[in-house]
Amino acid sequence: MGLSTGSPMEELNSRLNELKGTKATTKEYTWRDP
């Protein structure tokens, strides 16, 4: 949902989380996006 930072790993995790029905916390992204 526009949270992609270009990292393939994060993309994969995001997809897996969506499949599992869990939403990635913004905390996981804030450490990458200051």
PDB file of N, CA and C in Angstrom:
ATOM      1  N   MET A   1       0.829  -1.206   0.000  1.00  0.00           N
ATOM      2  CA  MET A   1       0.000   0.000   0.000  1.00  0.00           C
ATOM      3  C   MET A   1       0.863   1.257   0.000  1.00  0.00           C
ATOM      4  N   GLY A   2       1.867   1.285  -0.830  1.00  0.00           N
ATOM      5  CA  GLY A   2       2.720   2.464  -0.895  1.00  0.00           C
ATOM      6  C   GLY A   2       3.792   2.464   0.175  1.00  0.00           C
ATOM      7  N   LEU A   3       3.963   1.325   0.855  1.00  0.00           N
ATOM      8  CA  LEU A   3       4.971   1.259   1.909  1.00  0.00           C
ATOM      9  C   LEU A   3       6.258   0.617   1.400  1.00  0.00           C
ATOM     10  N   SER A   4       6.239   0.215   0.128  1.00  0.00           N
ATOM     11  CA  SER A   4       7.413  -0.428  -0.443  1.00  0.00           C
ATOM     12  C   SER A   4       8.588   0.535  -0.479  1.00  0.00           C
ATOM     13  N   THR A   5       9.732   0.080   0.037  1.00  0.00           N
ATOM     14  CA  THR A   5      10.913   0.935   0.059  1.00  0.00           C
ATOM     15  C   THR A   5      11.906   0.507  -1.011  1.00  0.00           C
ATOM     16  N   GLY A   6      11.564  -0.555  -1.736  1.00  0.00           N
ATOM     17  CA  GLY A   6      12.447  -1.011  -2.796  1.00  0.00           C
ATOM     18  C   GLY A   6      13.226  -2.249  -2.384  1.00  0.00           C
ATOM     19  N   SER A   7      13.152  -2.606  -1.099  1.00  0.00           N
ATOM     20  CA  SER A   7      13.873  -3.774  -0.614  1.00  0.00           C
ATOM     21  C   SER A   7      13.087  -5.048  -0.931  1.00  0.00           C
ATOM     22  N   PRO A   8      13.709  -5.974  -1.656  1.00  0.00           N
ATOM     23  CA  PRO A   8      13.035  -7.223  -2.033  1.00  0.00           C
ATOM     24  C   PRO A   8      12.601  -8.029  -0.801  1.00  0.00           C
ATOM     25  N   MET A   9      13.414  -7.983   0.246  1.00  0.00           N
ATOM     26  CA  MET A   9      13.088  -8.709   1.473  1.00  0.00           C
ATOM     27  C   MET A   9      11.829  -8.140   2.108  1.00  0.00           C
ATOM     28  N   GLU A  10      11.766  -6.819   2.160  1.00  0.00           N
ATOM     29  CA  GLU A  10      10.594  -6.177   2.764  1.00  0.00           C
ATOM     30  C   GLU A  10       9.361  -6.426   1.914  1.00  0.00           C
ATOM     31  N   GLU A  11       9.570  -6.476   0.606  1.00  0.00           N
ATOM     32  CA  GLU A  11       8.450  -6.750  -0.292  1.00  0.00           C
ATOM     33  C   GLU A  11       7.898  -8.143  -0.009  1.00  0.00           C
ATOM     34  N   LEU A  12       8.797  -9.090   0.151  1.00  0.00           N
ATOM     35  CA  LEU A  12       8.399 -10.465   0.428  1.00  0.00           C
ATOM     36  C   LEU A  12       7.680 -10.560   1.759  1.00  0.00           C
ATOM     37  N   ASN A  13       8.257  -9.946   2.781  1.00  0.00           N
ATOM     38  CA  ASN A  13       7.648  -9.968   4.110  1.00  0.00           C
ATOM     39  C   ASN A  13       6.275  -9.330   4.080  1.00  0.00           C
ATOM     40  N   SER A  14       6.164  -8.247   3.329  1.00  0.00           N
ATOM     41  CA  SER A  14       4.886  -7.553   3.236  1.00  0.00           C
ATOM     42  C   SER A  14       3.839  -8.459   2.597  1.00  0.00           C
ATOM     43  N   ARG A  15       4.263  -9.168   1.559  1.00  0.00           N
ATOM     44  CA  ARG A  15       3.339 -10.078   0.866  1.00  0.00           C
ATOM     45  C   ARG A  15       2.934 -11.224   1.779  1.00  0.00           C
ATOM     46  N   LEU A  16       3.923 -11.771   2.489  1.00  0.00           N
ATOM     47  CA  LEU A  16       3.647 -12.888   3.393  1.00  0.00           C
ATOM     48  C   LEU A  16       2.714 -12.457   4.511  1.00  0.00           C
ATOM     49  N   ASN A  17       2.948 -11.270   5.034  1.00  0.00           N
ATOM     50  CA  ASN A  17       2.099 -10.754   6.105  1.00  0.00           C
ATOM     51  C   ASN A  17       0.668 -10.582   5.620  1.00  0.00           C
ATOM     52  N   GLU A  18       0.547 -10.115   4.381  1.00  0.00           N
ATOM     53  CA  GLU A  18      -0.799  -9.921   3.824  1.00  0.00           C
ATOM     54  C   GLU A  18      -1.499 -11.266   3.652  1.00  0.00           C
ATOM     55  N   LEU A  19      -0.743 -12.267   3.236  1.00  0.00           N
ATOM     56  CA  LEU A  19      -1.310 -13.600   3.045  1.00  0.00           C
ATOM     57  C   LEU A  19      -1.730 -14.193   4.378  1.00  0.00           C
ATOM     58  N   LYS A  20      -0.942 -13.899   5.403  1.00  0.00           N
ATOM     59  CA  LYS A  20      -1.248 -14.414   6.734  1.00  0.00           C
ATOM     60  C   LYS A  20      -2.376 -13.627   7.383  1.00  0.00           C
ATOM     61  N   GLY A  21      -2.678 -12.478   6.814  1.00  0.00           N
ATOM     62  CA  GLY A  21      -3.763 -11.674   7.351  1.00  0.00           C
ATOM     63  C   GLY A  21      -3.292 -10.728   8.437  1.00  0.00           C
ATOM     64  N   THR A  22      -1.977 -10.580   8.546  1.00  0.00           N
ATOM     65  CA  THR A  22      -1.436  -9.684   9.565  1.00  0.00           C
ATOM     66  C   THR A  22      -0.877  -8.437   8.915  1.00  0.00           C
ATOM     67  N   LYS A  23      -1.062  -7.318   9.582  1.00  0.00           N
ATOM     68  CA  LYS A  23      -0.577  -6.049   9.052  1.00  0.00           C
ATOM     69  C   LYS A  23       0.769  -5.695   9.682  1.00  0.00           C
ATOM     70  N   ALA A  24       1.715  -5.350   8.822  1.00  0.00           N
ATOM     71  CA  ALA A  24       3.029  -4.965   9.327  1.00  0.00           C
ATOM     72  C   ALA A  24       2.928  -3.641  10.077  1.00  0.00           C
ATOM     73  N   THR A  25       3.439  -3.623  11.272  1.00  0.00           N
ATOM     74  CA  THR A  25       3.368  -2.413  12.087  1.00  0.00           C
ATOM     75  C   THR A  25       4.235  -1.316  11.483  1.00  0.00           C
ATOM     76  N   THR A  26       3.794  -0.091  11.634  1.00  0.00           N
ATOM     77  CA  THR A  26       4.524   1.046  11.084  1.00  0.00           C
ATOM     78  C   THR A  26       5.920   1.119  11.679  1.00  0.00           C
ATOM     79  N   LYS A  27       6.100   0.522  12.847  1.00  0.00           N
ATOM     80  CA  LYS A  27       7.402   0.535  13.504  1.00  0.00           C
ATOM     81  C   LYS A  27       8.446  -0.132  12.613  1.00  0.00           C
ATOM     82  N   GLU A  28       8.039  -1.184  11.919  1.00  0.00           N
ATOM     83  CA  GLU A  28       8.968  -1.915  11.056  1.00  0.00           C
ATOM     84  C   GLU A  28       9.448  -1.052   9.897  1.00  0.00           C
ATOM     85  N   TYR A  29       8.668  -0.033   9.582  1.00  0.00           N
ATOM     86  CA  TYR A  29       9.025   0.821   8.453  1.00  0.00           C
ATOM     87  C   TYR A  29       9.709   2.105   8.897  1.00  0.00           C
ATOM     88  N   THR A  30       9.381   2.557  10.110  1.00  0.00           N
ATOM     89  CA  THR A  30       9.948   3.815  10.589  1.00  0.00           C
ATOM     90  C   THR A  30      11.453   3.717  10.753  1.00  0.00           C
ATOM     91  N   TRP A  31      11.944   2.539  11.131  1.00  0.00           N
ATOM     92  CA  TRP A  31      13.384   2.387  11.321  1.00  0.00           C
ATOM     93  C   TRP A  31      14.113   2.531   9.975  1.00  0.00           C
ATOM     94  N   ARG A  32      13.371   2.323   8.897  1.00  0.00           N
ATOM     95  CA  ARG A  32      13.962   2.451   7.576  1.00  0.00           C
ATOM     96  C   ARG A  32      13.680   3.838   7.001  1.00  0.00           C
ATOM     97  N   ASP A  33      12.540   4.386   7.380  1.00  0.00           N
ATOM     98  CA  ASP A  33      12.180   5.712   6.894  1.00  0.00           C
ATOM     99  C   ASP A  33      12.223   6.717   8.029  1.00  0.00           C
ATOM    100  N   PRO A  34      13.276   7.514   8.077  1.00  0.00           N
ATOM    101  CA  PRO A  34      13.435   8.500   9.144  1.00  0.00           C
ATOM    102  C   PRO A  34      12.425   9.635   9.051  1.00  0.00           C
TER     103      PRO A  34
END
